[in-house]
Amino acid sequence: MKQTIYLVSELGIKTTHIYYLYRGQNGLVGV
């Protein structure tokens, strides 16, 4: 059970990181 929670949290962190990275790039471009 702990592994499942760890994988879910890990996936959430990666998704959030990609989202903010994408937003940051768009912000720099001015889109």
PDB file of N, CA and C in Angstrom:
ATOM      1  N   MET A   1       0.843  -1.199   0.000  1.00  0.00           N
ATOM      2  CA  MET A   1       0.000   0.000   0.000  1.00  0.00           C
ATOM      3  C   MET A   1       0.878   1.249   0.000  1.00  0.00           C
ATOM      4  N   LYS A   2       1.949   1.219   0.769  1.00  0.00           N
ATOM      5  CA  LYS A   2       2.832   2.389   0.810  1.00  0.00           C
ATOM      6  C   LYS A   2       3.419   2.679  -0.566  1.00  0.00           C
ATOM      7  N   GLN A   3       3.743   1.618  -1.305  1.00  0.00           N
ATOM      8  CA  GLN A   3       4.324   1.815  -2.636  1.00  0.00           C
ATOM      9  C   GLN A   3       3.336   2.523  -3.554  1.00  0.00           C
ATOM     10  N   THR A   4       2.053   2.160  -3.446  1.00  0.00           N
ATOM     11  CA  THR A   4       1.036   2.791  -4.294  1.00  0.00           C
ATOM     12  C   THR A   4       0.961   4.284  -3.995  1.00  0.00           C
ATOM     13  N   ILE A   5       0.922   4.631  -2.712  1.00  0.00           N
ATOM     14  CA  ILE A   5       0.855   6.038  -2.314  1.00  0.00           C
ATOM     15  C   ILE A   5       2.097   6.779  -2.809  1.00  0.00           C
ATOM     16  N   TYR A   6       3.246   6.133  -2.706  1.00  0.00           N
ATOM     17  CA  TYR A   6       4.493   6.753  -3.145  1.00  0.00           C
ATOM     18  C   TYR A   6       4.453   7.011  -4.646  1.00  0.00           C
ATOM     19  N   LEU A   7       3.978   6.025  -5.421  1.00  0.00           N
ATOM     20  CA  LEU A   7       3.931   6.176  -6.876  1.00  0.00           C
ATOM     21  C   LEU A   7       2.964   7.288  -7.266  1.00  0.00           C
ATOM     22  N   VAL A   8       1.830   7.352  -6.601  1.00  0.00           N
ATOM     23  CA  VAL A   8       0.843   8.390  -6.914  1.00  0.00           C
ATOM     24  C   VAL A   8       1.414   9.774  -6.624  1.00  0.00           C
ATOM     25  N   SER A   9       2.059   9.927  -5.464  1.00  0.00           N
ATOM     26  CA  SER A   9       2.626  11.226  -5.107  1.00  0.00           C
ATOM     27  C   SER A   9       3.761  11.586  -6.057  1.00  0.00           C
ATOM     28  N   GLU A  10       4.551  10.596  -6.450  1.00  0.00           N
ATOM     29  CA  GLU A  10       5.658  10.834  -7.376  1.00  0.00           C
ATOM     30  C   GLU A  10       5.119  11.297  -8.722  1.00  0.00           C
ATOM     31  N   LEU A  11       4.057  10.653  -9.180  1.00  0.00           N
ATOM     32  CA  LEU A  11       3.444  11.023 -10.457  1.00  0.00           C
ATOM     33  C   LEU A  11       2.878  12.438 -10.381  1.00  0.00           C
ATOM     34  N   GLY A  12       2.243  12.759  -9.248  1.00  0.00           N
ATOM     35  CA  GLY A  12       1.677  14.089  -9.073  1.00  0.00           C
ATOM     36  C   GLY A  12       2.761  15.162  -9.090  1.00  0.00           C
ATOM     37  N   ILE A  13       3.895  14.885  -8.457  1.00  0.00           N
ATOM     38  CA  ILE A  13       5.000  15.849  -8.425  1.00  0.00           C
ATOM     39  C   ILE A  13       5.534  16.072  -9.838  1.00  0.00           C
ATOM     40  N   LYS A  14       5.706  14.993 -10.601  1.00  0.00           N
ATOM     41  CA  LYS A  14       6.228  15.122 -11.962  1.00  0.00           C
ATOM     42  C   LYS A  14       5.249  15.881 -12.843  1.00  0.00           C
ATOM     43  N   THR A  15       3.950  15.587 -12.703  1.00  0.00           N
ATOM     44  CA  THR A  15       2.941  16.268 -13.513  1.00  0.00           C
ATOM     45  C   THR A  15       2.932  17.760 -13.197  1.00  0.00           C
ATOM     46  N   THR A  16       3.003  18.088 -11.901  1.00  0.00           N
ATOM     47  CA  THR A  16       3.011  19.491 -11.489  1.00  0.00           C
ATOM     48  C   THR A  16       4.258  20.192 -12.010  1.00  0.00           C
ATOM     49  N   HIS A  17       5.404  19.515 -11.941  1.00  0.00           N
ATOM     50  CA  HIS A  17       6.661  20.094 -12.411  1.00  0.00           C
ATOM     51  C   HIS A  17       6.582  20.389 -13.904  1.00  0.00           C
ATOM     52  N   ILE A  18       6.064  19.435 -14.688  1.00  0.00           N
ATOM     53  CA  ILE A  18       5.942  19.624 -16.143  1.00  0.00           C
ATOM     54  C   ILE A  18       4.978  20.771 -16.427  1.00  0.00           C
ATOM     55  N   TYR A  19       3.883  20.854 -15.659  1.00  0.00           N
ATOM     56  CA  TYR A  19       2.879  21.898 -15.868  1.00  0.00           C
ATOM     57  C   TYR A  19       3.480  23.286 -15.641  1.00  0.00           C
ATOM     58  N   TYR A  20       4.200  23.445 -14.543  1.00  0.00           N
ATOM     59  CA  TYR A  20       4.801  24.746 -14.253  1.00  0.00           C
ATOM     60  C   TYR A  20       5.926  25.069 -15.230  1.00  0.00           C
ATOM     61  N   LEU A  21       6.672  24.049 -15.663  1.00  0.00           N
ATOM     62  CA  LEU A  21       7.730  24.260 -16.646  1.00  0.00           C
ATOM     63  C   LEU A  21       7.111  24.753 -17.955  1.00  0.00           C
ATOM     64  N   TYR A  22       6.008  24.130 -18.361  1.00  0.00           N
ATOM     65  CA  TYR A  22       5.300  24.518 -19.589  1.00  0.00           C
ATOM     66  C   TYR A  22       4.755  25.934 -19.453  1.00  0.00           C
ATOM     67  N   ARG A  23       4.165  26.238 -18.294  1.00  0.00           N
ATOM     68  CA  ARG A  23       3.633  27.578 -18.049  1.00  0.00           C
ATOM     69  C   ARG A  23       4.750  28.615 -18.078  1.00  0.00           C
ATOM     70  N   GLY A  24       5.892  28.269 -17.478  1.00  0.00           N
ATOM     71  CA  GLY A  24       7.020  29.194 -17.441  1.00  0.00           C
ATOM     72  C   GLY A  24       7.518  29.508 -18.840  1.00  0.00           C
ATOM     73  N   GLN A  25       7.590  28.493 -19.693  1.00  0.00           N
ATOM     74  CA  GLN A  25       8.051  28.702 -21.064  1.00  0.00           C
ATOM     75  C   GLN A  25       7.066  29.589 -21.813  1.00  0.00           C
ATOM     76  N   ASN A  26       5.776  29.343 -21.639  1.00  0.00           N
ATOM     77  CA  ASN A  26       4.775  30.163 -22.303  1.00  0.00           C
ATOM     78  C   ASN A  26       4.856  31.602 -21.804  1.00  0.00           C
ATOM     79  N   GLY A  27       5.127  31.765 -20.501  1.00  0.00           N
ATOM     80  CA  GLY A  27       5.239  33.102 -19.926  1.00  0.00           C
ATOM     81  C   GLY A  27       6.417  33.851 -20.532  1.00  0.00           C
ATOM     82  N   LEU A  28       7.534  33.145 -20.739  1.00  0.00           N
ATOM     83  CA  LEU A  28       8.713  33.781 -21.321  1.00  0.00           C
ATOM     84  C   LEU A  28       8.448  34.176 -22.766  1.00  0.00           C
ATOM     85  N   VAL A  29       7.708  33.322 -23.476  1.00  0.00           N
ATOM     86  CA  VAL A  29       7.405  33.609 -24.883  1.00  0.00           C
ATOM     87  C   VAL A  29       6.371  34.729 -24.975  1.00  0.00           C
ATOM     88  N   GLY A  30       5.539  34.857 -23.932  1.00  0.00           N
ATOM     89  CA  GLY A  30       4.523  35.893 -23.928  1.00  0.00           C
ATOM     90  C   GLY A  30       3.187  35.380 -24.420  1.00  0.00           C
ATOM     91  N   VAL A  31       3.028  34.054 -24.466  1.00  0.00           N
ATOM     92  CA  VAL A  31       1.754  33.483 -24.927  1.00  0.00           C
ATOM     93  C   VAL A  31       0.787  33.437 -23.751  1.00  0.00           C
TER      94      VAL A  31
END
